[in-house]
Amino acid sequence: MDDGSPGSDQGSLPNGDPGDDLAGLARDLARWAGEARQQEAAATRSRRRWLEQQAAEEATFLAVLLAFGEGRVPVVLGVTSGNPVRGLVAAVGRDFCAVRTTERGTVLVRLEDVTHARVQPGHRAVIGTQGDAAPADMALADVLFGMAGERPEVVVSLRQGGGQLSGELRTVGVDVASLRTHGDPPATIYVPMAAVSQVSLRA
């Protein structure tokens, strides 16, 4: 029975030093927090891998090129004939992409002739999905038709190992383009659009 005297409730106190209990609780809290952080990090990594896998499964080559352009990622485009095209993707159309290069100025490359796209060393790869920006609603012939009025100097690489032609772009019709060469004497050459693989625009 409690007689009200000091110390009469000492039997209700836990045994041992309360400081030990506090130290143990602090260690448990630190351990639990560490485990929670590890679980959260593992869940984040798992979700990131899942999102990357999902994006890869939905990737399209056009979207990859668009992502390269938007991210200003330097790339190397392998082509069916001639040297690879190195630079930054400036635009992507229905059947071509424009690449700004240091050696050849702007190069218009027919997509059908691109064998692969490789990110240059030191840069991070990207994944392009169908939900990304769409290519421009224009074809290679449309671009050349618009440029012909300015009569730019161009180098035309032909498909299937047909070599190169250089001169002044004069006209572009339904399925043919004409060049005026600078030979002696000058000559006009008519090139079927279906035979054009690349067009380099001289600076």
N, C-alpha and C. Protein backbone atom coordinates (compact mmCIF):
# COMPACT_ATOMS: atom_id res chain seq x y z
N MET A 1 0.84 -1.19 0.00
CA MET A 1 0.00 0.00 0.00
C MET A 1 0.87 1.23 0.00
N ASP A 2 0.43 2.26 -0.74
CA ASP A 2 1.21 3.49 -0.81
C ASP A 2 0.95 4.30 0.42
N ASP A 3 2.04 4.54 1.19
CA ASP A 3 1.88 5.33 2.40
C ASP A 3 2.19 6.78 2.19
N GLY A 4 2.48 7.16 0.87
CA GLY A 4 2.74 8.57 0.59
C GLY A 4 4.13 9.01 0.90
N SER A 5 4.97 8.11 1.42
CA SER A 5 6.33 8.51 1.76
C SER A 5 7.17 8.58 0.52
N PRO A 6 8.19 9.43 0.49
CA PRO A 6 9.07 9.55 -0.68
C PRO A 6 9.71 8.22 -1.03
N GLY A 7 9.75 7.97 -2.35
CA GLY A 7 10.41 6.75 -2.82
C GLY A 7 9.53 5.54 -2.77
N SER A 8 8.26 5.70 -2.36
CA SER A 8 7.40 4.53 -2.25
C SER A 8 7.02 3.95 -3.59
N ASP A 9 7.19 4.72 -4.74
CA ASP A 9 6.82 4.21 -6.07
C ASP A 9 8.02 3.74 -6.87
N GLN A 10 9.15 3.55 -6.26
CA GLN A 10 10.36 3.16 -6.98
C GLN A 10 10.23 1.80 -7.63
N GLY A 11 9.37 0.95 -7.14
CA GLY A 11 9.21 -0.37 -7.73
C GLY A 11 8.63 -0.33 -9.13
N SER A 12 8.01 0.79 -9.53
CA SER A 12 7.41 0.88 -10.87
C SER A 12 8.39 1.32 -11.93
N LEU A 13 9.59 1.74 -11.58
CA LEU A 13 10.59 2.20 -12.54
C LEU A 13 11.28 1.00 -13.18
N PRO A 14 11.62 1.09 -14.48
CA PRO A 14 12.35 -0.02 -15.11
C PRO A 14 13.72 -0.17 -14.51
N ASN A 15 14.21 -1.42 -14.52
CA ASN A 15 15.54 -1.67 -13.99
C ASN A 15 16.60 -1.15 -14.95
N GLY A 16 17.74 -0.86 -14.49
CA GLY A 16 18.84 -0.43 -15.32
C GLY A 16 18.85 1.08 -15.49
N ASP A 17 19.92 1.53 -16.20
CA ASP A 17 20.12 2.96 -16.43
C ASP A 17 19.24 3.42 -17.58
N PRO A 18 18.35 4.41 -17.40
CA PRO A 18 17.53 4.90 -18.51
C PRO A 18 18.37 5.38 -19.68
N GLY A 19 19.57 5.84 -19.43
CA GLY A 19 20.45 6.28 -20.52
C GLY A 19 20.78 5.16 -21.48
N ASP A 20 20.91 3.91 -20.96
CA ASP A 20 21.17 2.77 -21.83
C ASP A 20 20.00 2.52 -22.77
N ASP A 21 18.79 2.64 -22.21
CA ASP A 21 17.61 2.44 -23.05
C ASP A 21 17.53 3.48 -24.15
N LEU A 22 17.83 4.72 -23.84
CA LEU A 22 17.80 5.79 -24.85
C LEU A 22 18.84 5.56 -25.94
N ALA A 23 20.03 5.13 -25.53
CA ALA A 23 21.09 4.87 -26.51
C ALA A 23 20.69 3.72 -27.43
N GLY A 24 20.09 2.67 -26.83
CA GLY A 24 19.64 1.54 -27.66
C GLY A 24 18.56 1.95 -28.63
N LEU A 25 17.62 2.79 -28.15
CA LEU A 25 16.56 3.27 -29.03
C LEU A 25 17.13 4.10 -30.17
N ALA A 26 18.10 4.93 -29.89
CA ALA A 26 18.73 5.74 -30.94
C ALA A 26 19.39 4.86 -31.99
N ARG A 27 20.06 3.77 -31.52
CA ARG A 27 20.68 2.85 -32.48
C ARG A 27 19.63 2.17 -33.34
N ASP A 28 18.52 1.76 -32.74
CA ASP A 28 17.46 1.12 -33.51
C ASP A 28 16.86 2.07 -34.54
N LEU A 29 16.64 3.31 -34.11
CA LEU A 29 16.07 4.29 -35.05
C LEU A 29 17.01 4.52 -36.23
N ALA A 30 18.31 4.62 -35.96
CA ALA A 30 19.28 4.83 -37.03
C ALA A 30 19.29 3.63 -37.97
N ARG A 31 19.20 2.41 -37.39
CA ARG A 31 19.20 1.20 -38.22
C ARG A 31 17.95 1.14 -39.08
N TRP A 32 16.81 1.44 -38.47
CA TRP A 32 15.55 1.40 -39.22
C TRP A 32 15.55 2.43 -40.35
N ALA A 33 16.07 3.62 -40.05
CA ALA A 33 16.13 4.67 -41.07
C ALA A 33 17.03 4.25 -42.23
N GLY A 34 18.17 3.61 -41.90
CA GLY A 34 19.08 3.14 -42.95
C GLY A 34 18.43 2.08 -43.81
N GLU A 35 17.72 1.15 -43.18
CA GLU A 35 17.04 0.11 -43.95
C GLU A 35 15.96 0.70 -44.85
N ALA A 36 15.24 1.71 -44.33
CA ALA A 36 14.19 2.36 -45.13
C ALA A 36 14.80 3.06 -46.35
N ARG A 37 15.96 3.71 -46.14
CA ARG A 37 16.62 4.39 -47.26
C ARG A 37 17.08 3.39 -48.31
N GLN A 38 17.61 2.25 -47.85
CA GLN A 38 18.05 1.22 -48.79
C GLN A 38 16.88 0.66 -49.59
N GLN A 39 15.75 0.42 -48.91
CA GLN A 39 14.58 -0.09 -49.61
C GLN A 39 14.06 0.93 -50.62
N GLU A 40 14.06 2.21 -50.22
CA GLU A 40 13.60 3.26 -51.13
C GLU A 40 14.51 3.38 -52.34
N ALA A 41 15.83 3.30 -52.11
CA ALA A 41 16.79 3.38 -53.22
C ALA A 41 16.61 2.19 -54.16
N ALA A 42 16.40 0.99 -53.60
CA ALA A 42 16.21 -0.20 -54.43
C ALA A 42 14.93 -0.06 -55.26
N ALA A 43 13.87 0.46 -54.63
CA ALA A 43 12.61 0.65 -55.36
C ALA A 43 12.78 1.68 -56.48
N THR A 44 13.55 2.75 -56.21
CA THR A 44 13.79 3.77 -57.23
C THR A 44 14.56 3.19 -58.41
N ARG A 45 15.60 2.37 -58.11
CA ARG A 45 16.37 1.75 -59.18
C ARG A 45 15.50 0.81 -59.99
N SER A 46 14.67 0.05 -59.31
CA SER A 46 13.79 -0.90 -60.01
C SER A 46 12.81 -0.15 -60.91
N ARG A 47 12.25 0.93 -60.41
CA ARG A 47 11.30 1.71 -61.22
C ARG A 47 12.02 2.33 -62.42
N ARG A 48 13.25 2.83 -62.21
CA ARG A 48 13.99 3.44 -63.31
C ARG A 48 14.28 2.41 -64.40
N ARG A 49 14.69 1.19 -63.98
CA ARG A 49 14.94 0.13 -64.96
C ARG A 49 13.67 -0.22 -65.71
N TRP A 50 12.54 -0.25 -65.00
CA TRP A 50 11.27 -0.58 -65.64
C TRP A 50 10.89 0.49 -66.67
N LEU A 51 11.06 1.76 -66.30
CA LEU A 51 10.73 2.85 -67.22
C LEU A 51 11.64 2.83 -68.45
N GLU A 52 12.94 2.56 -68.22
CA GLU A 52 13.88 2.50 -69.35
C GLU A 52 13.53 1.34 -70.28
N GLN A 53 13.16 0.20 -69.69
CA GLN A 53 12.77 -0.96 -70.50
C GLN A 53 11.51 -0.66 -71.30
N GLN A 54 10.55 -0.01 -70.64
CA GLN A 54 9.31 0.33 -71.33
C GLN A 54 9.58 1.31 -72.48
N ALA A 55 10.44 2.29 -72.23
CA ALA A 55 10.78 3.26 -73.28
C ALA A 55 11.48 2.58 -74.44
N ALA A 56 12.39 1.64 -74.12
CA ALA A 56 13.12 0.93 -75.18
C ALA A 56 12.16 0.12 -76.05
N GLU A 57 11.16 -0.49 -75.43
CA GLU A 57 10.21 -1.30 -76.18
C GLU A 57 9.34 -0.46 -77.10
N GLU A 58 9.15 0.83 -76.77
CA GLU A 58 8.32 1.71 -77.57
C GLU A 58 9.13 2.61 -78.50
N ALA A 59 10.44 2.40 -78.54
CA ALA A 59 11.31 3.29 -79.32
C ALA A 59 11.11 3.11 -80.82
N THR A 60 11.26 4.21 -81.55
CA THR A 60 11.29 4.18 -83.01
C THR A 60 12.56 4.90 -83.45
N PHE A 61 13.05 4.56 -84.64
CA PHE A 61 14.30 5.18 -85.09
C PHE A 61 14.11 6.67 -85.33
N LEU A 62 12.98 7.06 -85.90
CA LEU A 62 12.72 8.49 -86.10
C LEU A 62 12.74 9.23 -84.76
N ALA A 63 12.10 8.64 -83.75
CA ALA A 63 12.06 9.29 -82.44
C ALA A 63 13.45 9.36 -81.82
N VAL A 64 14.28 8.35 -82.05
CA VAL A 64 15.66 8.39 -81.55
C VAL A 64 16.41 9.56 -82.18
N LEU A 65 16.28 9.74 -83.49
CA LEU A 65 16.95 10.86 -84.15
C LEU A 65 16.44 12.19 -83.62
N LEU A 66 15.13 12.30 -83.41
CA LEU A 66 14.56 13.53 -82.86
C LEU A 66 15.11 13.80 -81.47
N ALA A 67 15.24 12.75 -80.65
CA ALA A 67 15.79 12.92 -79.31
C ALA A 67 17.25 13.35 -79.36
N PHE A 68 18.00 12.81 -80.31
CA PHE A 68 19.39 13.26 -80.49
C PHE A 68 19.42 14.75 -80.79
N GLY A 69 18.53 15.20 -81.67
CA GLY A 69 18.51 16.61 -82.03
C GLY A 69 18.12 17.50 -80.87
N GLU A 70 17.06 17.11 -80.15
CA GLU A 70 16.61 17.92 -79.03
C GLU A 70 17.65 17.98 -77.92
N GLY A 71 18.35 16.87 -77.71
CA GLY A 71 19.37 16.83 -76.68
C GLY A 71 20.73 17.32 -77.13
N ARG A 72 20.85 17.72 -78.40
CA ARG A 72 22.13 18.16 -78.98
C ARG A 72 23.23 17.13 -78.69
N VAL A 73 22.90 15.88 -78.97
CA VAL A 73 23.84 14.79 -78.76
C VAL A 73 24.62 14.54 -80.05
N PRO A 74 25.95 14.69 -80.05
CA PRO A 74 26.73 14.42 -81.26
C PRO A 74 26.64 12.95 -81.64
N VAL A 75 26.35 12.69 -82.91
CA VAL A 75 26.16 11.32 -83.36
C VAL A 75 26.97 11.05 -84.62
N VAL A 76 27.11 9.77 -84.90
CA VAL A 76 27.71 9.30 -86.14
C VAL A 76 26.67 8.44 -86.85
N LEU A 77 26.31 8.83 -88.07
CA LEU A 77 25.36 8.05 -88.84
C LEU A 77 26.11 7.20 -89.85
N GLY A 78 25.97 5.89 -89.74
CA GLY A 78 26.50 5.01 -90.77
C GLY A 78 25.58 5.03 -91.97
N VAL A 79 26.15 5.01 -93.15
CA VAL A 79 25.36 5.07 -94.38
C VAL A 79 25.76 3.91 -95.29
N THR A 80 24.88 3.60 -96.23
CA THR A 80 25.11 2.43 -97.08
C THR A 80 26.32 2.60 -97.99
N SER A 81 26.63 3.83 -98.35
CA SER A 81 27.81 4.07 -99.18
C SER A 81 28.45 5.38 -98.77
N GLY A 82 29.77 5.45 -98.87
CA GLY A 82 30.47 6.67 -98.49
C GLY A 82 30.85 6.68 -97.02
N ASN A 83 31.42 7.81 -96.61
CA ASN A 83 31.88 7.96 -95.23
C ASN A 83 30.73 8.24 -94.28
N PRO A 84 30.88 7.85 -93.01
CA PRO A 84 29.84 8.16 -92.02
C PRO A 84 29.64 9.67 -91.90
N VAL A 85 28.47 10.06 -91.46
CA VAL A 85 28.13 11.48 -91.28
C VAL A 85 28.18 11.78 -89.79
N ARG A 86 29.06 12.72 -89.39
CA ARG A 86 29.26 13.05 -87.98
C ARG A 86 28.77 14.47 -87.71
N GLY A 87 27.98 14.63 -86.65
CA GLY A 87 27.54 15.98 -86.30
C GLY A 87 26.32 15.97 -85.42
N LEU A 88 25.56 17.07 -85.47
CA LEU A 88 24.35 17.24 -84.67
C LEU A 88 23.13 17.16 -85.58
N VAL A 89 22.15 16.40 -85.15
CA VAL A 89 20.91 16.30 -85.93
C VAL A 89 20.16 17.62 -85.79
N ALA A 90 19.94 18.29 -86.93
CA ALA A 90 19.27 19.60 -86.92
C ALA A 90 17.78 19.49 -87.20
N ALA A 91 17.38 18.50 -87.99
CA ALA A 91 15.96 18.34 -88.33
C ALA A 91 15.74 16.92 -88.82
N VAL A 92 14.50 16.47 -88.69
CA VAL A 92 14.12 15.15 -89.17
C VAL A 92 12.82 15.30 -89.95
N GLY A 93 12.81 14.82 -91.19
CA GLY A 93 11.62 14.87 -92.02
C GLY A 93 11.06 13.48 -92.25
N ARG A 94 10.16 13.37 -93.22
CA ARG A 94 9.52 12.08 -93.47
C ARG A 94 10.50 11.04 -93.98
N ASP A 95 11.46 11.46 -94.82
CA ASP A 95 12.38 10.48 -95.40
C ASP A 95 13.84 10.91 -95.34
N PHE A 96 14.16 11.90 -94.50
CA PHE A 96 15.54 12.38 -94.41
C PHE A 96 15.78 12.97 -93.03
N CYS A 97 17.07 13.15 -92.72
CA CYS A 97 17.44 13.97 -91.56
C CYS A 97 18.55 14.91 -91.97
N ALA A 98 18.57 16.08 -91.36
CA ALA A 98 19.59 17.08 -91.63
C ALA A 98 20.60 17.06 -90.49
N VAL A 99 21.88 16.98 -90.84
CA VAL A 99 22.94 16.90 -89.85
C VAL A 99 23.92 18.05 -90.08
N ARG A 100 24.20 18.83 -89.04
CA ARG A 100 25.20 19.89 -89.13
C ARG A 100 26.56 19.28 -88.82
N THR A 101 27.46 19.36 -89.78
CA THR A 101 28.80 18.78 -89.61
C THR A 101 29.84 19.89 -89.69
N THR A 102 31.02 19.59 -89.20
CA THR A 102 32.11 20.57 -89.30
C THR A 102 32.85 20.45 -90.63
N GLU A 103 32.83 19.25 -91.22
CA GLU A 103 33.60 19.04 -92.45
C GLU A 103 32.81 19.40 -93.71
N ARG A 104 31.50 19.13 -93.71
CA ARG A 104 30.74 19.22 -94.94
C ARG A 104 29.56 20.18 -94.87
N GLY A 105 29.50 21.00 -93.84
CA GLY A 105 28.36 21.88 -93.68
C GLY A 105 27.13 21.08 -93.28
N THR A 106 25.97 21.50 -93.74
CA THR A 106 24.74 20.77 -93.46
C THR A 106 24.56 19.66 -94.50
N VAL A 107 24.29 18.45 -94.01
CA VAL A 107 24.13 17.30 -94.89
C VAL A 107 22.72 16.75 -94.72
N LEU A 108 22.01 16.62 -95.83
CA LEU A 108 20.69 16.00 -95.83
C LEU A 108 20.88 14.53 -96.20
N VAL A 109 20.47 13.64 -95.32
CA VAL A 109 20.73 12.21 -95.50
C VAL A 109 19.39 11.48 -95.65
N ARG A 110 19.27 10.70 -96.70
CA ARG A 110 18.06 9.90 -96.87
C ARG A 110 18.02 8.82 -95.80
N LEU A 111 16.92 8.74 -95.05
CA LEU A 111 16.83 7.79 -93.94
C LEU A 111 16.96 6.35 -94.41
N GLU A 112 16.50 6.07 -95.60
CA GLU A 112 16.57 4.71 -96.13
C GLU A 112 18.01 4.23 -96.27
N ASP A 113 18.95 5.17 -96.35
CA ASP A 113 20.36 4.81 -96.52
C ASP A 113 21.15 4.83 -95.22
N VAL A 114 20.49 5.15 -94.11
CA VAL A 114 21.16 5.14 -92.81
C VAL A 114 21.16 3.72 -92.25
N THR A 115 22.35 3.21 -91.95
CA THR A 115 22.46 1.85 -91.43
C THR A 115 22.42 1.80 -89.91
N HIS A 116 22.91 2.87 -89.25
CA HIS A 116 22.89 2.90 -87.79
C HIS A 116 23.21 4.32 -87.32
N ALA A 117 22.90 4.59 -86.07
CA ALA A 117 23.25 5.86 -85.43
C ALA A 117 24.00 5.55 -84.14
N ARG A 118 25.17 6.15 -84.00
CA ARG A 118 26.01 5.87 -82.83
C ARG A 118 26.34 7.18 -82.12
N VAL A 119 26.18 7.16 -80.80
CA VAL A 119 26.52 8.34 -80.00
C VAL A 119 28.04 8.46 -79.91
N GLN A 120 28.54 9.67 -80.13
CA GLN A 120 29.98 9.86 -80.05
C GLN A 120 30.46 9.68 -78.61
N PRO A 121 31.70 9.21 -78.43
CA PRO A 121 32.22 8.94 -77.09
C PRO A 121 32.12 10.15 -76.18
N GLY A 122 31.82 9.88 -74.91
CA GLY A 122 31.73 10.94 -73.92
C GLY A 122 30.35 11.55 -73.79
N HIS A 123 29.37 11.03 -74.55
CA HIS A 123 28.02 11.57 -74.48
C HIS A 123 27.04 10.45 -74.15
N ARG A 124 25.95 10.83 -73.50
CA ARG A 124 24.97 9.86 -73.02
C ARG A 124 23.97 9.52 -74.11
N ALA A 125 23.65 8.24 -74.22
CA ALA A 125 22.65 7.80 -75.19
C ALA A 125 21.26 8.25 -74.76
N VAL A 126 20.35 8.30 -75.72
CA VAL A 126 18.97 8.68 -75.44
C VAL A 126 18.04 7.63 -76.04
N ILE A 127 16.80 7.62 -75.54
CA ILE A 127 15.79 6.72 -76.08
C ILE A 127 14.62 7.56 -76.57
N GLY A 128 14.23 7.37 -77.81
CA GLY A 128 13.12 8.12 -78.36
C GLY A 128 11.90 7.23 -78.50
N THR A 129 10.76 7.69 -78.01
CA THR A 129 9.54 6.91 -78.09
C THR A 129 8.51 7.61 -78.96
N GLN A 130 7.47 6.89 -79.28
CA GLN A 130 6.46 7.40 -80.19
C GLN A 130 5.74 8.63 -79.65
N GLY A 131 5.78 8.83 -78.35
CA GLY A 131 5.10 9.98 -77.77
C GLY A 131 5.91 11.26 -77.86
N ASP A 132 7.14 11.18 -78.34
CA ASP A 132 7.99 12.36 -78.46
C ASP A 132 7.54 13.21 -79.65
N ALA A 133 8.29 14.29 -79.90
CA ALA A 133 7.97 15.19 -81.00
C ALA A 133 7.97 14.44 -82.33
N ALA A 134 7.10 14.86 -83.22
CA ALA A 134 6.98 14.22 -84.53
C ALA A 134 7.94 14.85 -85.53
N PRO A 135 8.35 14.10 -86.55
CA PRO A 135 9.21 14.67 -87.58
C PRO A 135 8.47 15.74 -88.38
N ALA A 136 9.23 16.60 -89.03
CA ALA A 136 8.63 17.64 -89.86
C ALA A 136 7.87 17.01 -91.03
N ASP A 137 6.77 17.61 -91.40
CA ASP A 137 5.94 17.06 -92.46
C ASP A 137 6.47 17.52 -93.82
N MET A 138 7.67 17.05 -94.13
CA MET A 138 8.27 17.37 -95.43
C MET A 138 9.23 16.26 -95.82
N ALA A 139 9.43 16.13 -97.11
CA ALA A 139 10.33 15.12 -97.64
C ALA A 139 11.60 15.80 -98.17
N LEU A 140 12.59 14.98 -98.51
CA LEU A 140 13.84 15.51 -99.06
C LEU A 140 13.57 16.34 -100.31
N ALA A 141 12.69 15.86 -101.17
CA ALA A 141 12.38 16.60 -102.40
C ALA A 141 11.78 17.96 -102.10
N ASP A 142 10.96 18.05 -101.04
CA ASP A 142 10.35 19.33 -100.66
C ASP A 142 11.42 20.34 -100.26
N VAL A 143 12.40 19.89 -99.48
CA VAL A 143 13.46 20.78 -99.04
C VAL A 143 14.28 21.27 -100.24
N LEU A 144 14.65 20.37 -101.12
CA LEU A 144 15.45 20.76 -102.29
C LEU A 144 14.66 21.69 -103.21
N PHE A 145 13.36 21.45 -103.33
CA PHE A 145 12.52 22.33 -104.15
C PHE A 145 12.54 23.75 -103.59
N GLY A 146 12.43 23.87 -102.27
CA GLY A 146 12.46 25.18 -101.65
C GLY A 146 13.80 25.88 -101.79
N MET A 147 14.89 25.11 -101.84
CA MET A 147 16.23 25.69 -101.94
C MET A 147 16.60 26.06 -103.37
N ALA A 148 15.97 25.41 -104.34
CA ALA A 148 16.41 25.56 -105.73
C ALA A 148 16.35 27.01 -106.21
N GLY A 149 15.41 27.79 -105.71
CA GLY A 149 15.29 29.18 -106.13
C GLY A 149 16.52 30.00 -105.77
N GLU A 150 17.25 29.60 -104.74
CA GLU A 150 18.45 30.32 -104.32
C GLU A 150 19.70 29.81 -105.03
N ARG A 151 19.56 28.73 -105.79
CA ARG A 151 20.67 28.13 -106.54
C ARG A 151 21.92 27.91 -105.68
N PRO A 152 21.79 27.14 -104.62
CA PRO A 152 22.95 26.91 -103.74
C PRO A 152 23.94 25.94 -104.38
N GLU A 153 25.17 26.02 -103.90
CA GLU A 153 26.20 25.07 -104.30
C GLU A 153 26.02 23.80 -103.47
N VAL A 154 25.94 22.66 -104.13
CA VAL A 154 25.68 21.40 -103.42
C VAL A 154 26.62 20.31 -103.93
N VAL A 155 26.76 19.30 -103.09
CA VAL A 155 27.41 18.05 -103.49
C VAL A 155 26.39 16.95 -103.28
N VAL A 156 26.06 16.25 -104.35
CA VAL A 156 25.05 15.20 -104.29
C VAL A 156 25.75 13.84 -104.30
N SER A 157 25.52 13.05 -103.25
CA SER A 157 26.04 11.68 -103.20
C SER A 157 24.95 10.75 -103.72
N LEU A 158 25.31 9.91 -104.68
CA LEU A 158 24.34 9.03 -105.31
C LEU A 158 24.29 7.68 -104.61
N ARG A 159 23.16 7.04 -104.70
CA ARG A 159 22.95 5.76 -104.05
C ARG A 159 23.66 4.64 -104.80
N GLN A 160 23.86 3.52 -104.09
CA GLN A 160 24.43 2.31 -104.67
C GLN A 160 25.79 2.56 -105.31
N GLY A 161 26.61 3.35 -104.61
CA GLY A 161 27.97 3.58 -105.07
C GLY A 161 28.08 4.38 -106.35
N GLY A 162 27.11 5.26 -106.59
CA GLY A 162 27.11 6.04 -107.83
C GLY A 162 28.02 7.24 -107.83
N GLY A 163 28.79 7.44 -106.77
CA GLY A 163 29.73 8.56 -106.73
C GLY A 163 29.06 9.86 -106.32
N GLN A 164 29.72 10.97 -106.67
CA GLN A 164 29.24 12.29 -106.28
C GLN A 164 29.16 13.22 -107.48
N LEU A 165 28.24 14.17 -107.38
CA LEU A 165 28.10 15.23 -108.36
C LEU A 165 28.11 16.56 -107.62
N SER A 166 28.79 17.55 -108.15
CA SER A 166 28.81 18.86 -107.50
C SER A 166 28.45 19.94 -108.50
N GLY A 167 27.83 20.96 -108.01
CA GLY A 167 27.44 22.06 -108.88
C GLY A 167 26.38 22.92 -108.23
N GLU A 168 25.72 23.70 -109.05
CA GLU A 168 24.69 24.61 -108.58
C GLU A 168 23.32 23.96 -108.77
N LEU A 169 22.57 23.87 -107.68
CA LEU A 169 21.23 23.29 -107.77
C LEU A 169 20.33 24.27 -108.52
N ARG A 170 19.79 23.84 -109.66
CA ARG A 170 18.99 24.73 -110.49
C ARG A 170 17.50 24.52 -110.32
N THR A 171 17.04 23.31 -110.52
CA THR A 171 15.60 23.04 -110.47
C THR A 171 15.34 21.70 -109.78
N VAL A 172 14.13 21.58 -109.26
CA VAL A 172 13.67 20.32 -108.69
C VAL A 172 12.23 20.12 -109.16
N GLY A 173 12.00 18.99 -109.84
CA GLY A 173 10.66 18.68 -110.32
C GLY A 173 10.00 17.60 -109.48
N VAL A 174 9.05 16.93 -110.08
CA VAL A 174 8.31 15.89 -109.37
C VAL A 174 9.24 14.79 -108.88
N ASP A 175 10.13 14.33 -109.73
CA ASP A 175 11.04 13.24 -109.34
C ASP A 175 12.43 13.41 -109.92
N VAL A 176 12.82 14.65 -110.22
CA VAL A 176 14.13 14.90 -110.82
C VAL A 176 14.67 16.25 -110.36
N ALA A 177 15.98 16.32 -110.21
CA ALA A 177 16.67 17.58 -109.88
C ALA A 177 17.74 17.83 -110.93
N SER A 178 18.02 19.10 -111.18
CA SER A 178 19.06 19.44 -112.15
C SER A 178 20.16 20.23 -111.48
N LEU A 179 21.41 19.92 -111.88
CA LEU A 179 22.60 20.62 -111.40
C LEU A 179 23.32 21.25 -112.58
N ARG A 180 23.90 22.40 -112.33
CA ARG A 180 24.76 23.05 -113.33
C ARG A 180 26.18 22.94 -112.85
N THR A 181 26.99 22.16 -113.55
CA THR A 181 28.37 21.94 -113.13
C THR A 181 29.25 23.12 -113.51
N HIS A 182 30.44 23.15 -112.94
CA HIS A 182 31.38 24.25 -113.21
C HIS A 182 32.54 23.79 -114.10
N GLY A 183 32.26 22.78 -114.90
CA GLY A 183 33.31 22.29 -115.80
C GLY A 183 33.54 23.25 -116.96
N ASP A 184 34.42 22.89 -117.83
CA ASP A 184 34.73 23.70 -119.01
C ASP A 184 34.54 22.84 -120.26
N PRO A 185 33.38 22.97 -120.90
CA PRO A 185 32.32 23.94 -120.59
C PRO A 185 31.39 23.41 -119.50
N PRO A 186 30.60 24.31 -118.88
CA PRO A 186 29.61 23.88 -117.89
C PRO A 186 28.58 22.96 -118.53
N ALA A 187 27.99 22.11 -117.70
CA ALA A 187 26.99 21.18 -118.20
C ALA A 187 25.84 21.09 -117.21
N THR A 188 24.68 20.75 -117.71
CA THR A 188 23.51 20.54 -116.86
C THR A 188 23.29 19.03 -116.73
N ILE A 189 23.18 18.57 -115.48
CA ILE A 189 23.00 17.15 -115.20
C ILE A 189 21.65 16.96 -114.53
N TYR A 190 20.90 16.00 -115.00
CA TYR A 190 19.58 15.69 -114.43
C TYR A 190 19.70 14.41 -113.60
N VAL A 191 19.27 14.51 -112.34
CA VAL A 191 19.43 13.40 -111.40
C VAL A 191 18.05 12.95 -110.91
N PRO A 192 17.69 11.69 -111.07
CA PRO A 192 16.44 11.19 -110.49
C PRO A 192 16.48 11.33 -108.97
N MET A 193 15.42 11.83 -108.36
CA MET A 193 15.42 12.00 -106.90
C MET A 193 15.61 10.65 -106.19
N ALA A 194 15.12 9.58 -106.81
CA ALA A 194 15.26 8.26 -106.20
C ALA A 194 16.71 7.83 -106.10
N ALA A 195 17.61 8.47 -106.88
CA ALA A 195 19.03 8.10 -106.89
C ALA A 195 19.84 8.90 -105.88
N VAL A 196 19.22 9.89 -105.23
CA VAL A 196 19.94 10.78 -104.30
C VAL A 196 20.01 10.15 -102.92
N SER A 197 21.23 10.01 -102.40
CA SER A 197 21.44 9.49 -101.07
C SER A 197 21.68 10.60 -100.05
N GLN A 198 22.56 11.55 -100.39
CA GLN A 198 22.89 12.67 -99.51
C GLN A 198 23.05 13.93 -100.33
N VAL A 199 22.78 15.05 -99.71
CA VAL A 199 23.03 16.37 -100.32
C VAL A 199 23.75 17.21 -99.30
N SER A 200 24.98 17.63 -99.65
CA SER A 200 25.76 18.49 -98.76
C SER A 200 25.63 19.92 -99.25
N LEU A 201 25.30 20.81 -98.32
CA LEU A 201 25.14 22.22 -98.65
C LEU A 201 26.43 22.93 -98.29
N ARG A 202 27.11 23.45 -99.28
CA ARG A 202 28.36 24.12 -99.02
C ARG A 202 28.12 25.44 -98.31
N ALA A 203 29.00 25.75 -97.34
CA ALA A 203 28.87 26.99 -96.58
C ALA A 203 29.25 28.17 -97.46
